Amino acid sequence: MTDREAYDELCAYTLTHRDPAFIHQHVVDVFAAQTANEETKPMSVAFALVGLYLHVERHFSGRQVQRAHQYLARYSRTWPAFALPQDRGSISVADILAQPIGAKRDAAIQAWCASVWNAYRDSRQAIADLVLSYGQALDASARKG
């Protein structure tokens, strides 16, 4: 099974997940960050890293990250390019699928997010500054509802 096929299968799982926290958003972000290459648009990498930062460090739910992305998407701008680390974490999408459906798989998704976010640690401050540049309006938008 290719990484893309494994990702599609994992998306089927997360999209039918009944958890209102919407873990699907974390899967989208972590896979985008882990598989980005030189052809990936800077906006895609930036949004993925913002999502991982908000989730791993600031404990945003998937639904809150989704709202933050919607808020950021309202602004037309040139998104910064981030260095793509050689090592993108020790956990793969196949590792997640190997976990039993339910709490163990959900916990594995959380560990995957932390692993990939750690791989991008050299970009941490730039991502934190990017989020901070949008101020409290981004937080308010993400945390509403």
C-alpha atoms as a PDB file:
ATOM      1  CA  MET A   1       0.000   0.000   0.000  1.00  0.00           C
ATOM      2  CA  THR A   2       1.403   3.422  -0.936  1.00  0.00           C
ATOM      3  CA  ASP A   3       1.499   6.303   1.534  1.00  0.00           C
ATOM      4  CA  ARG A   4      -1.282   7.972  -0.438  1.00  0.00           C
ATOM      5  CA  GLU A   5      -3.483   4.882  -0.263  1.00  0.00           C
ATOM      6  CA  ALA A   6      -2.811   4.598   3.475  1.00  0.00           C
ATOM      7  CA  TYR A   7      -3.649   8.281   3.888  1.00  0.00           C
ATOM      8  CA  ASP A   8      -6.916   7.843   1.985  1.00  0.00           C
ATOM      9  CA  GLU A   9      -7.851   4.899   4.207  1.00  0.00           C
ATOM     10  CA  LEU A  10      -7.005   6.888   7.324  1.00  0.00           C
ATOM     11  CA  CYS A  11      -9.089   9.803   6.039  1.00  0.00           C
ATOM     12  CA  ALA A  12     -12.045   7.474   5.615  1.00  0.00           C
ATOM     13  CA  TYR A  13     -11.630   6.544   9.275  1.00  0.00           C
ATOM     14  CA  THR A  14     -11.295  10.111  10.552  1.00  0.00           C
ATOM     15  CA  LEU A  15     -14.067  11.526   8.403  1.00  0.00           C
ATOM     16  CA  THR A  16     -16.526   9.023   9.869  1.00  0.00           C
ATOM     17  CA  HIS A  17     -15.226   9.536  13.400  1.00  0.00           C
ATOM     18  CA  ARG A  18     -17.958  10.791  15.679  1.00  0.00           C
ATOM     19  CA  ASP A  19     -15.655  12.855  17.893  1.00  0.00           C
ATOM     20  CA  PRO A  20     -16.654  16.539  17.723  1.00  0.00           C
ATOM     21  CA  ALA A  21     -12.959  17.463  18.109  1.00  0.00           C
ATOM     22  CA  PHE A  22     -12.588  16.599  14.381  1.00  0.00           C
ATOM     23  CA  ILE A  23      -9.262  14.719  14.399  1.00  0.00           C
ATOM     24  CA  HIS A  24      -9.422  14.576  10.610  1.00  0.00           C
ATOM     25  CA  GLN A  25      -7.920  18.085  10.480  1.00  0.00           C
ATOM     26  CA  HIS A  26      -4.815  16.873  12.309  1.00  0.00           C
ATOM     27  CA  VAL A  27      -4.392  14.016   9.829  1.00  0.00           C
ATOM     28  CA  VAL A  28      -4.614  16.435   6.898  1.00  0.00           C
ATOM     29  CA  ASP A  29      -2.032  18.769   8.438  1.00  0.00           C
ATOM     30  CA  VAL A  30       0.436  16.122   9.596  1.00  0.00           C
ATOM     31  CA  PHE A  31       0.374  14.263   6.274  1.00  0.00           C
ATOM     32  CA  ALA A  32       0.852  17.513   4.337  1.00  0.00           C
ATOM     33  CA  ALA A  33       3.836  18.497   6.492  1.00  0.00           C
ATOM     34  CA  GLN A  34       5.381  15.049   6.356  1.00  0.00           C
ATOM     35  CA  THR A  35       5.056  14.563   2.597  1.00  0.00           C
ATOM     36  CA  ALA A  36       5.746  18.118   1.390  1.00  0.00           C
ATOM     37  CA  ASN A  37       8.407  18.514  -1.258  1.00  0.00           C
ATOM     38  CA  GLU A  38       9.960  21.340  -3.278  1.00  0.00           C
ATOM     39  CA  GLU A  39       6.870  21.442  -5.512  1.00  0.00           C
ATOM     40  CA  THR A  40       4.435  21.881  -2.610  1.00  0.00           C
ATOM     41  CA  LYS A  41       2.970  25.371  -2.460  1.00  0.00           C
ATOM     42  CA  PRO A  42       4.249  27.479   0.452  1.00  0.00           C
ATOM     43  CA  MET A  43       0.647  28.084   1.583  1.00  0.00           C
ATOM     44  CA  SER A  44       0.101  24.323   1.998  1.00  0.00           C
ATOM     45  CA  VAL A  45       3.196  23.911   4.133  1.00  0.00           C
ATOM     46  CA  ALA A  46       2.444  27.056   6.144  1.00  0.00           C
ATOM     47  CA  PHE A  47      -1.131  25.962   6.883  1.00  0.00           C
ATOM     48  CA  ALA A  48       0.018  22.456   7.835  1.00  0.00           C
ATOM     49  CA  LEU A  49       2.652  23.822  10.210  1.00  0.00           C
ATOM     50  CA  VAL A  50       0.246  26.364  11.702  1.00  0.00           C
ATOM     51  CA  GLY A  51      -2.195  23.510  12.288  1.00  0.00           C
ATOM     52  CA  LEU A  52       0.436  21.365  13.984  1.00  0.00           C
ATOM     53  CA  TYR A  53       1.646  24.271  16.115  1.00  0.00           C
ATOM     54  CA  LEU A  54      -1.880  25.138  17.237  1.00  0.00           C
ATOM     55  CA  HIS A  55      -2.659  21.518  18.023  1.00  0.00           C
ATOM     56  CA  VAL A  56       0.561  20.267  19.612  1.00  0.00           C
ATOM     57  CA  GLU A  57       1.625  23.389  21.486  1.00  0.00           C
ATOM     58  CA  ARG A  58      -1.620  25.244  22.069  1.00  0.00           C
ATOM     59  CA  HIS A  59      -3.933  22.238  22.345  1.00  0.00           C
ATOM     60  CA  PHE A  60      -6.429  23.341  19.701  1.00  0.00           C
ATOM     61  CA  SER A  61      -8.932  20.712  18.631  1.00  0.00           C
ATOM     62  CA  GLY A  62      -9.186  19.794  14.967  1.00  0.00           C
ATOM     63  CA  ARG A  63     -12.331  21.895  14.699  1.00  0.00           C
ATOM     64  CA  GLN A  64     -10.494  24.903  16.160  1.00  0.00           C
ATOM     65  CA  VAL A  65      -7.569  24.406  13.783  1.00  0.00           C
ATOM     66  CA  GLN A  66     -10.037  24.201  10.892  1.00  0.00           C
ATOM     67  CA  ARG A  67     -11.538  27.539  11.957  1.00  0.00           C
ATOM     68  CA  ALA A  68      -8.056  29.068  12.242  1.00  0.00           C
ATOM     69  CA  HIS A  69      -7.295  27.903   8.696  1.00  0.00           C
ATOM     70  CA  GLN A  70     -10.559  29.442   7.486  1.00  0.00           C
ATOM     71  CA  TYR A  71      -9.602  32.707   9.179  1.00  0.00           C
ATOM     72  CA  LEU A  72      -6.125  32.695   7.597  1.00  0.00           C
ATOM     73  CA  ALA A  73      -7.535  31.841   4.170  1.00  0.00           C
ATOM     74  CA  ARG A  74      -9.449  35.132   4.141  1.00  0.00           C
ATOM     75  CA  TYR A  75      -6.170  36.967   3.745  1.00  0.00           C
ATOM     76  CA  SER A  76      -4.447  37.051   0.409  1.00  0.00           C
ATOM     77  CA  ARG A  77      -0.731  37.131   0.987  1.00  0.00           C
ATOM     78  CA  THR A  78       2.521  35.622  -0.033  1.00  0.00           C
ATOM     79  CA  TRP A  79       3.085  32.779   2.388  1.00  0.00           C
ATOM     80  CA  PRO A  80       6.624  32.206   3.639  1.00  0.00           C
ATOM     81  CA  ALA A  81       8.507  29.145   2.480  1.00  0.00           C
ATOM     82  CA  PHE A  82       9.692  26.876   5.261  1.00  0.00           C
ATOM     83  CA  ALA A  83      12.707  24.600   5.135  1.00  0.00           C
ATOM     84  CA  LEU A  84      11.696  20.988   4.676  1.00  0.00           C
ATOM     85  CA  PRO A  85      13.688  18.852   7.106  1.00  0.00           C
ATOM     86  CA  GLN A  86      15.286  15.695   5.784  1.00  0.00           C
ATOM     87  CA  ASP A  87      13.811  13.652   8.637  1.00  0.00           C
ATOM     88  CA  ARG A  88      10.067  14.271   9.049  1.00  0.00           C
ATOM     89  CA  GLY A  89       9.456  12.193  12.154  1.00  0.00           C
ATOM     90  CA  SER A  90       9.652   8.542  13.081  1.00  0.00           C
ATOM     91  CA  ILE A  91       5.947   7.739  12.645  1.00  0.00           C
ATOM     92  CA  SER A  92       4.311   7.126   9.271  1.00  0.00           C
ATOM     93  CA  VAL A  93       0.732   6.940   8.094  1.00  0.00           C
ATOM     94  CA  ALA A  94       1.182   3.160   7.777  1.00  0.00           C
ATOM     95  CA  ASP A  95       2.089   3.041  11.485  1.00  0.00           C
ATOM     96  CA  ILE A  96      -1.200   4.742  12.301  1.00  0.00           C
ATOM     97  CA  LEU A  97      -3.217   2.277  10.230  1.00  0.00           C
ATOM     98  CA  ALA A  98      -1.484  -0.588  12.025  1.00  0.00           C
ATOM     99  CA  GLN A  99      -3.151   0.530  15.258  1.00  0.00           C
ATOM    100  CA  PRO A 100      -6.575  -0.838  16.171  1.00  0.00           C
ATOM    101  CA  ILE A 101      -9.525   1.419  15.394  1.00  0.00           C
ATOM    102  CA  GLY A 102     -10.559   3.561  18.337  1.00  0.00           C
ATOM    103  CA  ALA A 103      -8.609   5.052  21.212  1.00  0.00           C
ATOM    104  CA  LYS A 104      -5.259   3.450  20.248  1.00  0.00           C
ATOM    105  CA  ARG A 105      -5.443   4.748  16.691  1.00  0.00           C
ATOM    106  CA  ASP A 106      -6.538   8.192  17.894  1.00  0.00           C
ATOM    107  CA  ALA A 107      -3.604   8.290  20.341  1.00  0.00           C
ATOM    108  CA  ALA A 108      -1.261   7.252  17.535  1.00  0.00           C
ATOM    109  CA  ILE A 109      -2.510  10.202  15.461  1.00  0.00           C
ATOM    110  CA  GLN A 110      -1.620  12.518  18.350  1.00  0.00           C
ATOM    111  CA  ALA A 111       1.864  10.980  18.605  1.00  0.00           C
ATOM    112  CA  TRP A 112       2.290  11.330  14.830  1.00  0.00           C
ATOM    113  CA  CYS A 113       1.459  15.040  15.045  1.00  0.00           C
ATOM    114  CA  ALA A 114       4.015  15.538  17.830  1.00  0.00           C
ATOM    115  CA  SER A 115       6.678  13.587  15.928  1.00  0.00           C
ATOM    116  CA  VAL A 116       6.290  15.591  12.720  1.00  0.00           C
ATOM    117  CA  TRP A 117       6.002  18.914  14.572  1.00  0.00           C
ATOM    118  CA  ASN A 118       9.241  18.081  16.392  1.00  0.00           C
ATOM    119  CA  ALA A 119      10.916  17.398  13.039  1.00  0.00           C
ATOM    120  CA  TYR A 120      10.105  20.994  12.048  1.00  0.00           C
ATOM    121  CA  ARG A 121      11.471  22.431  15.307  1.00  0.00           C
ATOM    122  CA  ASP A 122      13.787  24.800  13.410  1.00  0.00           C
ATOM    123  CA  SER A 123      10.667  26.518  11.999  1.00  0.00           C
ATOM    124  CA  ARG A 124       8.893  26.731  15.352  1.00  0.00           C
ATOM    125  CA  GLN A 125       9.604  30.383  16.080  1.00  0.00           C
ATOM    126  CA  ALA A 126       8.679  31.513  12.571  1.00  0.00           C
ATOM    127  CA  ILE A 127       5.350  29.662  12.832  1.00  0.00           C
ATOM    128  CA  ALA A 128       4.663  31.052  16.304  1.00  0.00           C
ATOM    129  CA  ASP A 129       5.450  34.559  15.011  1.00  0.00           C
ATOM    130  CA  LEU A 130       3.171  34.028  11.999  1.00  0.00           C
ATOM    131  CA  VAL A 131       0.279  33.028  14.270  1.00  0.00           C
ATOM    132  CA  LEU A 132       1.051  35.927  16.612  1.00  0.00           C
ATOM    133  CA  SER A 133       0.968  38.347  13.660  1.00  0.00           C
ATOM    134  CA  TYR A 134      -2.754  37.630  13.325  1.00  0.00           C
ATOM    135  CA  GLY A 135      -3.253  38.432  16.988  1.00  0.00           C
ATOM    136  CA  GLN A 136      -6.209  37.658  19.169  1.00  0.00           C
ATOM    137  CA  ALA A 137      -8.602  37.710  16.219  1.00  0.00           C
ATOM    138  CA  LEU A 138      -7.254  34.329  15.078  1.00  0.00           C
ATOM    139  CA  ASP A 139      -7.700  32.857  18.568  1.00  0.00           C
ATOM    140  CA  ALA A 140     -11.195  34.279  18.880  1.00  0.00           C
ATOM    141  CA  SER A 141     -12.186  32.992  15.462  1.00  0.00           C
ATOM    142  CA  ALA A 142     -10.788  29.515  16.141  1.00  0.00           C
ATOM    143  CA  ARG A 143     -12.279  29.184  19.614  1.00  0.00           C
ATOM    144  CA  LYS A 144     -15.781  30.390  18.785  1.00  0.00           C
ATOM    145  CA  GLY A 145     -18.721  28.054  18.847  1.00  0.00           C
END
